[in-house]
Every structure is written in structure tokens, then in C-alpha cells.
Amino acid sequence: MPNSIGQTKTQFYHFNNQEYPFELKSGAKLTNFTLAYEIYGKLSENKDNAILLFHALTASQHAAGINDSVEGLSVEWDKECQTGWWEGFIGSGKALDTDKYCVICVNYLGGCYGSTGPYSKNPETGKPYGSDFPRVSIKDIVKSQMELINHLGIKELHATVGSSLGGLMAISLAAQYPNKVKNIVALASGIKTSVLQRIHNLEQIKAIESDEDFANGDYYNGNHPKKGLSLARMIGHKVFISLRTLASRASKEIKKEEDSSWYQIQSSIESYMLHQGQKFVKRFDANTYLRILDAWQNFDILDECGFNDYREMFSRCSHQKYLIFTINSDVCFYPHHQEELSASLTEGGIDPMHITVHSEKGHDSFLLEPELFAPHISYALNN
């Protein structure tokens, strides 16, 4: 189905409150920050048709349509960024139907696509925050977006939707603000950070920190830690798609890499992975990558919501409706992660709809195969 969104433009919400600054989980306070966001569809007169969409680890506020540029970025807004990352899901007659709903997608606090992050100017010094930018949590990211929702005059969201890391955000929002959202859709996500994810994320963190150009995060006036960020992306990328899909994407021709050093590239897979890392460093900031990975590492929904067990926490959410998707070939959020999420909701008296999608594309199926998800999402949002 062709997209009906067309050209889009990023908007900016500016929080500024000297008297009551925004307090983060760490105890740090921000008197002002900016969130970059996009809106698809229109708010109803009663403002009761809004869907807050959370993006995954390295995506942006640009979820649908074409956006040629975003002002003031420190990274490259390349062709991959210009096309909405959930193009197949948002638009007239699609899963997130813009004839019915107003879809809002926001770049995370700490991000590098227009929201305030480590590259942003610190009002106290006039220079980029760098290492001085505070740690952010999933609770903080959700809380900052609720500031925007309140600013838009939305009293209750029709739904919140998130995939992968964004799914953790959606579940967190529902648990933190049970009276602010009716429907929750979580794709290829879970309820907590797994042991394997912690190890995997740590490898990426250490890859960046080990780069000689990292300079403890204060690299903006010099060389950026490109090698470390490239390696981190390679480490991460291997769990986003299935090995079969990875192999089919890899070029048959082995490219000679300038920085291959002693080891010479010997296969198309190796060449493909190096290319993924090298192109990523142009469009993403290493400090942002670290902040979001840190938020993932420290995610504890019970702690962030102030409860001791899932039964007590989710019992406040019994009026909400949940749709959970498992991708059977997912090795980033394995199927048992969604089983844990479903079990946690059940403890609170919630009976979620749990759909298993059979795909050969792995974790990224939620980006690549809208036809496998759309009918179920449409049903959940419309009933």
C-alpha cells in the first residue's frame, strides 16, 4: 500500500522551567531541554485519538513519510534517515490509521536527532555537554515525553506503541501512568533487561570507551570515536536480523577495507558487517549511543514505578488492553522475553493478547514485514 503521508517536518518542544526543573532519576536536574517530534494525522476535537509511538535504539522521531532535513543536527541526516522507519505501518488505512488517529513519535531525551543530548550546548558553559550530560533512564525518557503530551493538551492517550527498546518504553509508560493510556502494543520486547542483553550491551559500551578518540566523552572539538562506534554497531547489528537474511544481504564481492590492518577481509559477510559499522558512524553520536544503552542496562520497571512485585504494579492497569508480539526467530528479544512479559501482566489480573509471528527475518521483522503485524494491531486499536 503506497504511503499517504508525503513530506513531513520535525517539530520541537521546548521545556523551560527555572522554578520547577525537570528532575531525572539520577537526581540531576534540567531547567530546559528540547524534544524533536513528528505528528501524523490530526488530533480530534476532544484530543482522544492520540497514539504515542516509541522508536527503537537508533531510530528517530521520523517514523513515516519523507523528511529531507532536520535543522541543527551534529550527525548526518542521510537517505536512510529521510524515509520514515515505520513507513509500512503509518498512514491512511494502515495499522496506525491516520484517518482515525494522531500518531506522535519523539526522539529520546539524550538523542542526536534534534532532542537535547550530549552534543547540545550546556547553558552553563556555552559548550557541548559531552561527558557532563546526565545519565538518563527509561523512566526519564517516558516522563519527558509525557511533558510533551501534556503540552499538547492530551489528557489520555488512545494507545502507546513500541518495538524492541521502544516496547520497554511503552510498557513503562503504561505502568507509570495507568490512567493516561488505554491500549498498549509491544513488539519484540519484554519486561526487563536479560543477562545476555547486559553482556551484549556491555561489549558495545566497552568498544566505544576503548577508542583512543573517545576522550571520556569530550571529543566534539577533535576526532570522534569512529572506530569504537563502528565496532559497537557491528556487535549490535548481528542480533537485529537473522543469519539467513544477513547472508542474503551481503555483497558477493569482497571489498578491500582501508583500515583492515593485519587481518584481510575474506568473505562478503565480513565486508558487509564492516560496511554497516562504517556507515552508522556518520548518522549517530557515540555519546547518545552510550546514554541509551545505559538506560537499557539500568531498566528496572518495578524500581522505576516504586513497586515490589508485578501483581501490585499491574493491578492498577487492569482496565488497559495489551497486545504483545513475539517473533519466533528473534535473537535480540527472544520469545521467552515476551512470555515473561505476559506472565507479569497476568499476575496483575490482565489477560494480554499474545501473537507469535513466524518470520525468517529475525528481530527486524517488525520493521520489514508490516503485513504480519498490521491486522492484529488494527484489531487491537479499534476494539
Protein backbone atom coordinates (compact mmCIF):
# COMPACT_ATOMS: atom_id res chain seq x y z
CA MET A 1 0.00 0.00 0.00
CA PRO A 2 1.57 3.35 -1.03
CA ASN A 3 2.26 5.84 1.71
CA SER A 4 -0.19 8.71 2.15
CA ILE A 5 1.95 10.79 4.49
CA GLY A 6 4.14 12.54 1.93
CA GLN A 7 6.53 15.25 3.11
CA THR A 8 6.90 15.71 6.85
CA LYS A 9 8.70 18.16 9.08
CA THR A 10 10.21 17.76 12.53
CA GLN A 11 8.75 19.99 15.23
CA PHE A 12 10.36 20.99 18.51
CA TYR A 13 9.00 21.16 22.04
CA HIS A 14 10.99 23.35 24.43
CA PHE A 15 10.77 22.69 28.15
CA ASN A 16 11.91 25.69 30.19
CA ASN A 17 11.17 25.95 33.89
CA GLN A 18 13.67 27.59 36.21
CA GLU A 19 11.44 27.25 39.26
CA TYR A 20 10.50 23.59 38.78
CA PRO A 21 13.25 21.95 36.71
CA PHE A 22 12.92 18.51 35.19
CA GLU A 23 14.37 16.03 37.67
CA LEU A 24 15.94 12.83 36.38
CA LYS A 25 16.12 9.51 38.16
CA SER A 26 19.79 10.17 38.91
CA GLY A 27 18.88 13.32 40.85
CA ALA A 28 20.27 15.64 38.16
CA LYS A 29 18.02 18.49 37.05
CA LEU A 30 17.46 20.16 33.69
CA THR A 31 15.94 23.64 33.69
CA ASN A 32 15.45 23.38 29.94
CA PHE A 33 15.55 20.78 27.19
CA THR A 34 14.21 20.26 23.69
CA LEU A 35 12.39 17.27 22.22
CA ALA A 36 12.22 16.71 18.46
CA TYR A 37 8.96 15.11 17.31
CA GLU A 38 6.72 14.46 14.34
CA ILE A 39 2.94 14.15 14.10
CA TYR A 40 0.97 12.13 11.53
CA GLY A 41 -2.78 12.62 11.31
CA LYS A 42 -4.76 15.15 13.30
CA LEU A 43 -5.86 15.38 16.89
CA SER A 44 -9.61 15.02 17.29
CA GLU A 45 -11.62 17.85 18.81
CA ASN A 46 -11.61 16.01 22.15
CA LYS A 47 -7.92 15.08 21.74
CA ASP A 48 -8.72 11.45 22.50
CA ASN A 49 -7.24 9.79 19.40
CA ALA A 50 -3.51 10.19 20.06
CA ILE A 51 -1.02 7.32 19.78
CA LEU A 52 2.45 7.80 21.26
CA LEU A 53 4.96 5.74 19.29
CA PHE A 54 8.35 4.88 20.81
CA HIS A 55 11.24 4.19 18.46
CA ALA A 56 13.94 1.55 18.83
CA LEU A 57 17.58 2.02 19.86
CA THR A 58 18.99 4.06 16.97
CA ALA A 59 15.88 5.30 15.16
CA SER A 60 14.47 8.82 15.29
CA GLN A 61 11.29 10.85 15.52
CA HIS A 62 10.84 10.42 11.76
CA ALA A 63 8.58 7.36 11.56
CA ALA A 64 6.67 7.95 8.31
CA GLY A 65 6.77 9.91 5.08
CA ILE A 66 9.77 11.80 3.72
CA ASN A 67 11.75 14.32 5.73
CA ASP A 68 14.62 15.80 3.72
CA SER A 69 16.41 17.50 6.62
CA VAL A 70 16.31 18.38 10.31
CA GLU A 71 17.86 21.62 11.46
CA GLY A 72 20.80 21.84 13.81
CA LEU A 73 21.97 18.23 13.83
CA SER A 74 25.52 17.17 14.67
CA VAL A 75 25.18 13.98 12.64
CA GLU A 76 24.36 13.28 9.02
CA TRP A 77 20.66 13.05 8.11
CA ASP A 78 21.27 10.57 5.30
CA LYS A 79 18.90 8.86 2.85
CA GLU A 80 18.23 6.09 5.35
CA CYS A 81 17.08 8.71 7.87
CA GLN A 82 14.96 10.61 5.33
CA THR A 83 12.49 7.76 4.86
CA GLY A 84 10.27 7.03 7.87
CA TRP A 85 11.43 3.94 9.75
CA TRP A 86 7.83 2.64 10.17
CA GLU A 87 6.68 3.64 6.71
CA GLY A 88 4.65 0.48 6.19
CA PHE A 89 2.64 0.89 9.39
CA ILE A 90 1.56 4.54 9.41
CA GLY A 91 -0.82 6.23 7.01
CA SER A 92 -4.35 6.15 5.63
CA GLY A 93 -5.84 2.67 6.11
CA LYS A 94 -2.68 1.26 7.67
CA ALA A 95 -2.13 -0.27 11.11
CA LEU A 96 -1.74 3.17 12.67
CA ASP A 97 -4.51 4.67 10.56
CA THR A 98 -4.03 8.43 10.21
CA ASP A 99 -7.66 8.77 9.10
CA LYS A 100 -8.57 7.83 12.68
CA TYR A 101 -5.54 8.50 14.84
CA CYS A 102 -2.98 11.15 15.54
CA VAL A 103 0.41 9.43 15.74
CA ILE A 104 3.20 11.17 17.66
CA CYS A 105 6.83 10.00 17.60
CA VAL A 106 9.56 11.68 19.66
CA ASN A 107 13.36 11.48 19.59
CA TYR A 108 14.57 10.41 23.02
CA LEU A 109 15.97 12.80 25.59
CA GLY A 110 19.72 12.28 25.22
CA GLY A 111 19.28 11.70 21.48
CA CYS A 112 21.11 13.13 18.50
CA TYR A 113 18.29 13.86 16.06
CA GLY A 114 17.14 17.19 17.46
CA SER A 115 16.38 16.37 21.10
CA THR A 116 18.69 17.67 23.80
CA GLY A 117 21.64 15.33 24.23
CA PRO A 118 25.39 15.26 24.89
CA TYR A 119 26.18 17.34 21.78
CA SER A 120 23.73 20.07 22.79
CA LYS A 121 25.03 23.31 24.24
CA ASN A 122 25.27 23.34 28.03
CA PRO A 123 23.68 26.67 29.07
CA GLU A 124 26.17 26.95 31.93
CA THR A 125 29.29 26.71 29.75
CA GLY A 126 28.12 27.56 26.24
CA LYS A 127 29.88 24.40 25.02
CA PRO A 128 28.56 20.90 24.22
CA TYR A 129 27.67 18.91 27.33
CA GLY A 130 29.86 15.96 26.38
CA SER A 131 30.67 13.96 29.50
CA ASP A 132 28.66 16.41 31.64
CA PHE A 133 25.35 15.34 30.11
CA PRO A 134 23.49 13.46 32.86
CA ARG A 135 22.61 9.79 32.76
CA VAL A 136 19.07 9.18 31.55
CA SER A 137 16.77 6.28 32.38
CA ILE A 138 13.81 4.81 30.58
CA LYS A 139 11.69 6.44 33.27
CA ASP A 140 13.22 9.82 32.37
CA ILE A 141 12.63 9.35 28.65
CA VAL A 142 8.98 8.42 29.21
CA LYS A 143 8.50 11.27 31.69
CA SER A 144 9.95 13.82 29.25
CA GLN A 145 7.58 12.68 26.52
CA MET A 146 4.64 12.97 28.87
CA GLU A 147 5.64 16.62 29.29
CA LEU A 148 5.07 16.99 25.54
CA ILE A 149 1.77 15.09 25.71
CA ASN A 150 0.55 17.41 28.45
CA HIS A 151 1.75 20.42 26.45
CA LEU A 152 -0.39 19.25 23.52
CA GLY A 153 -3.42 19.13 25.82
CA ILE A 154 -3.85 15.36 25.61
CA LYS A 155 -5.38 14.03 28.82
CA GLU A 156 -5.38 10.37 27.82
CA LEU A 157 -3.62 8.50 25.04
CA HIS A 158 -5.67 6.13 22.95
CA ALA A 159 -2.57 3.95 22.76
CA THR A 160 1.15 3.70 23.14
CA VAL A 161 3.12 1.53 20.74
CA GLY A 162 6.76 0.46 20.85
CA SER A 163 9.06 -2.13 19.34
CA SER A 164 12.30 -3.54 20.74
CA LEU A 165 13.67 -1.00 23.25
CA GLY A 166 10.64 1.14 22.40
CA GLY A 167 8.45 -1.67 23.71
CA LEU A 168 10.09 -1.31 27.13
CA MET A 169 9.19 2.39 26.95
CA ALA A 170 5.56 1.63 26.11
CA ILE A 171 5.20 -0.86 28.97
CA SER A 172 6.93 1.58 31.32
CA LEU A 173 4.55 4.38 30.36
CA ALA A 174 1.54 2.15 30.97
CA ALA A 175 2.84 1.16 34.40
CA GLN A 176 3.92 4.65 35.44
CA TYR A 177 0.79 6.41 34.18
CA PRO A 178 -2.00 3.82 34.25
CA ASN A 179 -4.74 6.43 33.82
CA LYS A 180 -3.06 8.11 30.85
CA VAL A 181 -3.29 5.31 28.26
CA LYS A 182 -5.89 2.75 27.17
CA ASN A 183 -4.10 0.41 24.76
CA ILE A 184 -0.53 -0.87 24.75
CA VAL A 185 1.19 -2.59 21.82
CA ALA A 186 4.68 -4.04 22.40
CA LEU A 187 6.51 -5.72 19.51
CA ALA A 188 9.58 -7.91 20.01
CA SER A 189 10.19 -6.57 23.50
CA GLY A 190 9.94 -7.65 27.14
CA ILE A 191 9.62 -6.64 30.80
CA LYS A 192 13.28 -6.46 31.85
CA THR A 193 16.86 -6.46 30.62
CA SER A 194 18.11 -10.02 30.19
CA VAL A 195 21.53 -11.34 31.20
CA LEU A 196 22.51 -11.83 27.55
CA GLN A 197 21.41 -8.30 26.67
CA ARG A 198 23.50 -6.90 29.53
CA ILE A 199 26.59 -8.71 28.23
CA HIS A 200 25.87 -7.70 24.66
CA ASN A 201 25.32 -4.05 25.62
CA LEU A 202 28.49 -4.04 27.75
CA GLU A 203 30.53 -5.20 24.76
CA GLN A 204 29.23 -2.22 22.78
CA ILE A 205 29.88 0.22 25.62
CA LYS A 206 33.46 -1.00 26.01
CA ALA A 207 34.04 -0.81 22.26
CA ILE A 208 33.29 2.92 22.35
CA GLU A 209 35.11 3.64 25.59
CA SER A 210 38.22 1.83 24.33
CA ASP A 211 38.55 4.12 21.31
CA GLU A 212 41.56 6.41 21.80
CA ASP A 213 39.49 9.33 20.45
CA PHE A 214 36.67 8.89 22.96
CA ALA A 215 38.31 11.30 25.45
CA ASN A 216 35.81 10.34 28.16
CA GLY A 217 33.02 11.75 26.01
CA ASP A 218 34.58 15.17 25.42
CA TYR A 219 35.55 14.66 21.78
CA TYR A 220 33.43 17.26 19.98
CA ASN A 221 36.35 19.61 19.29
CA GLY A 222 38.52 16.82 17.92
CA ASN A 223 38.28 13.40 16.31
CA HIS A 224 35.14 11.44 17.10
CA PRO A 225 35.48 7.81 18.29
CA LYS A 226 34.53 6.41 14.89
CA LYS A 227 36.29 3.08 15.22
CA GLY A 228 34.72 2.37 18.60
CA LEU A 229 31.22 3.35 17.47
CA SER A 230 31.62 1.33 14.27
CA LEU A 231 32.63 -1.74 16.26
CA ALA A 232 29.72 -1.22 18.66
CA ARG A 233 27.33 -1.15 15.72
CA MET A 234 28.80 -4.36 14.33
CA ILE A 235 28.35 -6.05 17.70
CA GLY A 236 24.75 -4.90 17.87
CA HIS A 237 23.77 -5.49 14.27
CA LYS A 238 24.27 -9.25 14.33
CA VAL A 239 21.21 -9.80 16.54
CA PHE A 240 18.88 -7.49 14.60
CA ILE A 241 18.48 -9.73 11.57
CA SER A 242 18.60 -13.47 11.07
CA LEU A 243 21.80 -15.03 9.77
CA ARG A 244 20.00 -16.13 6.63
CA THR A 245 18.84 -12.58 5.92
CA LEU A 246 22.29 -11.22 6.74
CA ALA A 247 23.89 -13.62 4.28
CA SER A 248 21.42 -12.71 1.52
CA ARG A 249 22.12 -9.00 2.00
CA ALA A 250 25.87 -9.33 1.95
CA SER A 251 27.51 -8.40 -1.31
CA LYS A 252 29.10 -11.24 -3.27
CA GLU A 253 32.11 -9.05 -3.97
CA ILE A 254 34.64 -8.73 -1.14
CA LYS A 255 35.57 -5.08 -0.68
CA LYS A 256 39.01 -4.05 0.46
CA GLU A 257 38.77 -2.07 3.66
CA GLU A 258 41.34 0.67 4.23
CA ASP A 259 41.59 0.06 7.96
CA SER A 260 41.59 -3.74 7.90
CA SER A 261 45.15 -3.71 9.24
CA TRP A 262 46.82 -7.11 9.59
CA TYR A 263 43.67 -9.15 9.03
CA GLN A 264 42.47 -9.18 5.44
CA ILE A 265 38.74 -9.37 4.77
CA GLN A 266 37.96 -12.84 3.43
CA SER A 267 34.21 -13.02 2.94
CA SER A 268 31.22 -10.98 1.88
CA ILE A 269 29.76 -11.30 5.38
CA GLU A 270 32.80 -9.62 6.91
CA SER A 271 32.71 -6.88 4.32
CA TYR A 272 29.00 -6.34 4.92
CA MET A 273 29.43 -6.05 8.69
CA LEU A 274 32.28 -3.56 8.35
CA HIS A 275 30.15 -1.51 5.98
CA GLN A 276 27.26 -1.47 8.48
CA GLY A 277 29.56 -0.10 11.14
CA GLN A 278 31.25 2.47 8.93
CA LYS A 279 28.05 3.99 7.55
CA PHE A 280 26.47 4.11 11.02
CA VAL A 281 29.10 6.47 12.47
CA LYS A 282 28.04 9.18 10.01
CA ARG A 283 24.46 9.27 11.28
CA PHE A 284 24.81 8.66 15.02
CA ASP A 285 26.64 10.07 18.02
CA ALA A 286 28.70 7.83 20.30
CA ASN A 287 27.66 9.65 23.49
CA THR A 288 23.99 9.23 22.60
CA TYR A 289 24.59 5.55 21.94
CA LEU A 290 26.14 5.19 25.39
CA ARG A 291 23.30 7.07 27.11
CA ILE A 292 20.60 4.90 25.57
CA LEU A 293 22.49 1.67 26.23
CA ASP A 294 22.96 2.81 29.83
CA ALA A 295 19.21 3.44 30.14
CA TRP A 296 18.61 -0.09 28.85
CA GLN A 297 21.19 -1.60 31.22
CA ASN A 298 19.62 0.10 34.24
CA PHE A 299 15.99 -0.57 33.38
CA ASP A 300 14.05 -1.89 36.37
CA ILE A 301 10.36 -1.25 35.90
CA LEU A 302 9.46 -2.17 39.48
CA ASP A 303 12.03 0.23 40.89
CA GLU A 304 11.10 2.99 38.45
CA CYS A 305 7.43 2.68 39.34
CA GLY A 306 8.01 2.21 43.08
CA PHE A 307 6.62 -1.32 43.50
CA ASN A 308 7.93 -4.60 44.85
CA ASP A 309 6.10 -7.04 42.57
CA TYR A 310 4.30 -7.19 39.24
CA ARG A 311 0.98 -8.14 40.77
CA GLU A 312 0.76 -4.94 42.77
CA MET A 313 2.05 -2.75 39.96
CA PHE A 314 -0.09 -4.11 37.14
CA SER A 315 -3.24 -4.44 39.25
CA ARG A 316 -3.53 -0.66 38.71
CA CYS A 317 -3.60 -1.32 34.96
CA SER A 318 -6.45 -3.84 34.81
CA HIS A 319 -8.52 -1.51 32.60
CA GLN A 320 -5.81 -1.42 29.95
CA LYS A 321 -5.61 -3.68 26.90
CA TYR A 322 -2.30 -5.21 25.82
CA LEU A 323 -1.14 -6.67 22.53
CA ILE A 324 2.23 -8.44 22.64
CA PHE A 325 4.12 -9.72 19.60
CA THR A 326 6.72 -12.48 19.55
CA ILE A 327 8.93 -13.06 16.51
CA ASN A 328 9.87 -16.72 16.54
CA SER A 329 13.34 -16.15 15.02
CA ASP A 330 14.24 -13.17 17.25
CA VAL A 331 17.63 -13.43 18.99
CA CYS A 332 17.64 -9.91 20.43
CA PHE A 333 14.43 -10.22 22.46
CA TYR A 334 13.95 -13.99 22.48
CA PRO A 335 10.41 -15.44 22.60
CA HIS A 336 10.76 -16.23 26.32
CA HIS A 337 11.09 -12.47 26.97
CA GLN A 338 7.53 -11.93 25.79
CA GLU A 339 6.40 -14.95 27.81
CA GLU A 340 7.86 -13.24 30.90
CA LEU A 341 6.02 -10.05 29.99
CA SER A 342 2.73 -11.89 29.55
CA ALA A 343 3.20 -13.72 32.85
CA SER A 344 3.92 -10.44 34.64
CA LEU A 345 0.76 -8.85 33.26
CA THR A 346 -1.26 -11.93 34.20
CA GLU A 347 -0.06 -11.55 37.79
CA GLY A 348 -1.77 -8.17 37.82
CA GLY A 349 -5.06 -9.57 36.54
CA ILE A 350 -4.51 -8.60 32.88
CA ASP A 351 -5.19 -11.02 30.02
CA PRO A 352 -2.98 -9.81 27.16
CA MET A 353 -3.41 -10.76 23.54
CA HIS A 354 -0.17 -12.55 22.60
CA ILE A 355 0.62 -13.16 18.93
CA THR A 356 3.58 -15.14 17.60
CA VAL A 357 4.78 -14.05 14.17
CA HIS A 358 6.65 -16.65 12.13
CA SER A 359 9.39 -15.00 10.12
CA GLU A 360 12.85 -15.76 8.77
CA LYS A 361 13.96 -12.14 9.18
CA GLY A 362 14.63 -12.16 12.91
CA HIS A 363 14.23 -9.17 15.23
CA ASP A 364 13.90 -6.68 12.37
CA SER A 365 10.75 -8.37 11.13
CA PHE A 366 8.80 -5.63 12.94
CA LEU A 367 10.40 -3.14 10.52
CA LEU A 368 10.31 -5.20 7.34
CA GLU A 369 7.04 -7.16 7.31
CA PRO A 370 4.07 -4.96 8.25
CA GLU A 371 1.66 -7.47 6.73
CA LEU A 372 2.43 -9.91 9.57
CA PHE A 373 1.55 -7.41 12.29
CA ALA A 374 -0.89 -4.87 10.84
CA PRO A 375 -4.16 -6.85 11.02
CA HIS A 376 -3.64 -7.62 14.72
CA ILE A 377 -2.65 -4.04 15.55
CA SER A 378 -5.67 -2.66 13.70
CA TYR A 379 -7.97 -5.03 15.57
CA ALA A 380 -6.46 -4.15 18.95
CA LEU A 381 -6.67 -0.39 18.40
CA ASN A 382 -10.21 -0.45 17.04
CA ASN A 383 -11.85 -2.72 19.64
